[in-house]
C-alpha atoms as a PDB file:
ATOM      1  CA  MET A   1      17.150 -18.890  18.589  1.00  0.00           C
ATOM      2  CA  PRO A   2      15.697 -18.689  15.087  1.00  0.00           C
ATOM      3  CA  LYS A   3      16.979 -21.158  12.565  1.00  0.00           C
ATOM      4  CA  ASP A   4      19.350 -19.879   9.917  1.00  0.00           C
ATOM      5  CA  GLN A   5      18.363 -19.764   6.243  1.00  0.00           C
ATOM      6  CA  ILE A   6      14.569 -20.000   6.764  1.00  0.00           C
ATOM      7  CA  HIS A   7      13.631 -16.382   7.417  1.00  0.00           C
ATOM      8  CA  PRO A   8      13.225 -13.831   4.611  1.00  0.00           C
ATOM      9  CA  LYS A   9      15.589 -10.895   4.359  1.00  0.00           C
ATOM     10  CA  TRP A  10      14.270  -7.824   6.201  1.00  0.00           C
ATOM     11  CA  PHE A  11      14.538  -4.368   4.663  1.00  0.00           C
ATOM     12  CA  ASN A  12      14.266  -1.569   7.243  1.00  0.00           C
ATOM     13  CA  ASP A  13      13.728   1.308   4.821  1.00  0.00           C
ATOM     14  CA  THR A  14      11.553  -0.072   2.042  1.00  0.00           C
ATOM     15  CA  PRO A  15      10.185   2.700  -0.203  1.00  0.00           C
ATOM     16  CA  VAL A  16       6.446   2.687  -0.873  1.00  0.00           C
ATOM     17  CA  PHE A  17       5.395   4.025  -4.294  1.00  0.00           C
ATOM     18  CA  CYS A  18       1.984   5.237  -5.434  1.00  0.00           C
ATOM     19  CA  ASP A  19       1.535   6.577  -8.974  1.00  0.00           C
ATOM     20  CA  GLY A  20       5.300   6.475  -9.441  1.00  0.00           C
ATOM     21  CA  LYS A  21       5.946   8.787  -6.469  1.00  0.00           C
ATOM     22  CA  LYS A  22       7.741   7.759  -3.320  1.00  0.00           C
ATOM     23  CA  ILE A  23       5.291   8.325  -0.455  1.00  0.00           C
ATOM     24  CA  ALA A  24       6.772   6.588   2.594  1.00  0.00           C
ATOM     25  CA  TYR A  25       9.365   4.240   3.994  1.00  0.00           C
ATOM     26  CA  VAL A  26       8.386   1.142   5.951  1.00  0.00           C
ATOM     27  CA  GLY A  27       9.947  -2.100   7.133  1.00  0.00           C
ATOM     28  CA  SER A  28       9.179  -5.037   4.865  1.00  0.00           C
ATOM     29  CA  THR A  29      10.407  -8.316   3.456  1.00  0.00           C
ATOM     30  CA  LYS A  30      10.147  -6.773  -0.023  1.00  0.00           C
ATOM     31  CA  SER A  31      12.747  -4.350  -1.333  1.00  0.00           C
ATOM     32  CA  GLU A  32      10.073  -2.099  -2.873  1.00  0.00           C
ATOM     33  CA  LEU A  33       6.294  -1.762  -2.439  1.00  0.00           C
ATOM     34  CA  ILE A  34       3.889  -0.396  -5.037  1.00  0.00           C
ATOM     35  CA  VAL A  35       0.353   0.480  -3.928  1.00  0.00           C
ATOM     36  CA  ASP A  36      -2.688   1.660  -5.889  1.00  0.00           C
ATOM     37  CA  VAL A  37      -4.491   3.440  -3.050  1.00  0.00           C
ATOM     38  CA  TRP A  38      -3.203   5.158   0.043  1.00  0.00           C
ATOM     39  CA  LEU A  39      -4.404   7.770   2.532  1.00  0.00           C
ATOM     40  CA  ALA A  40      -3.940  10.811   0.278  1.00  0.00           C
ATOM     41  CA  ASN A  41      -5.919   9.406  -2.668  1.00  0.00           C
ATOM     42  CA  HIS A  42      -8.470   7.163  -0.922  1.00  0.00           C
ATOM     43  CA  PRO A  43     -12.037   8.419  -1.510  1.00  0.00           C
ATOM     44  CA  PHE A  44     -13.025   8.047   2.155  1.00  0.00           C
ATOM     45  CA  TYR A  45     -10.252  10.317   3.385  1.00  0.00           C
ATOM     46  CA  THR A  46     -10.445  12.870   0.573  1.00  0.00           C
ATOM     47  CA  ASP A  47     -14.218  13.399   0.961  1.00  0.00           C
ATOM     48  CA  SER A  48     -14.798  12.401  -2.646  1.00  0.00           C
ATOM     49  CA  GLN A  49     -16.656   9.231  -1.694  1.00  0.00           C
ATOM     50  CA  THR A  50     -20.085   8.968  -3.268  1.00  0.00           C
ATOM     51  CA  ILE A  51     -22.840   7.303  -1.301  1.00  0.00           C
ATOM     52  CA  ILE A  52     -25.203   5.168  -3.342  1.00  0.00           C
ATOM     53  CA  ASP A  53     -28.702   6.117  -2.306  1.00  0.00           C
ATOM     54  CA  SER A  54     -30.672   2.987  -1.527  1.00  0.00           C
ATOM     55  CA  GLU A  55     -33.701   4.815  -0.196  1.00  0.00           C
ATOM     56  CA  GLY A  56     -36.764   2.701   0.221  1.00  0.00           C
ATOM     57  CA  ARG A  57     -35.067  -0.634   0.836  1.00  0.00           C
ATOM     58  CA  VAL A  58     -35.856  -0.666   4.558  1.00  0.00           C
ATOM     59  CA  GLU A  59     -39.396   0.494   3.924  1.00  0.00           C
ATOM     60  CA  ARG A  60     -39.951  -2.248   1.339  1.00  0.00           C
ATOM     61  CA  PHE A  61     -38.568  -4.864   3.762  1.00  0.00           C
ATOM     62  CA  MET A  62     -40.806  -3.634   6.587  1.00  0.00           C
ATOM     63  CA  LYS A  63     -43.852  -3.587   4.294  1.00  0.00           C
ATOM     64  CA  LYS A  64     -43.086  -7.038   2.879  1.00  0.00           C
ATOM     65  CA  TYR A  65     -42.972  -8.642   6.309  1.00  0.00           C
ATOM     66  CA  GLY A  66     -45.690  -6.511   7.862  1.00  0.00           C
ATOM     67  CA  LEU A  67     -43.423  -4.925  10.445  1.00  0.00           C
ATOM     68  CA  LYS A  68     -43.907  -1.521  12.003  1.00  0.00           C
ATOM     69  CA  THR A  69     -41.124   1.036  12.173  1.00  0.00           C
ATOM     70  CA  ASN A  70     -40.277   3.119  15.236  1.00  0.00           C
ATOM     71  CA  ASP A  71     -40.903   6.259  13.157  1.00  0.00           C
ATOM     72  CA  ASN A  72     -44.299   7.842  13.723  1.00  0.00           C
END
């Protein structure tokens, strides 16, 4: 049996807010959750993620240490 008075209060239907809009309900020990990023505005899931091109880094490493690549 859990001890009384040591466990936080559990909220079954805690609203989750993003940009001031209610986006979901979850169980939590907080009465309200505010998030900056979630599935609908995350760059990875919205295909707006930009890849930083670091071309040449592997080639420079291989050249620096005199290693050969598997590419012909």
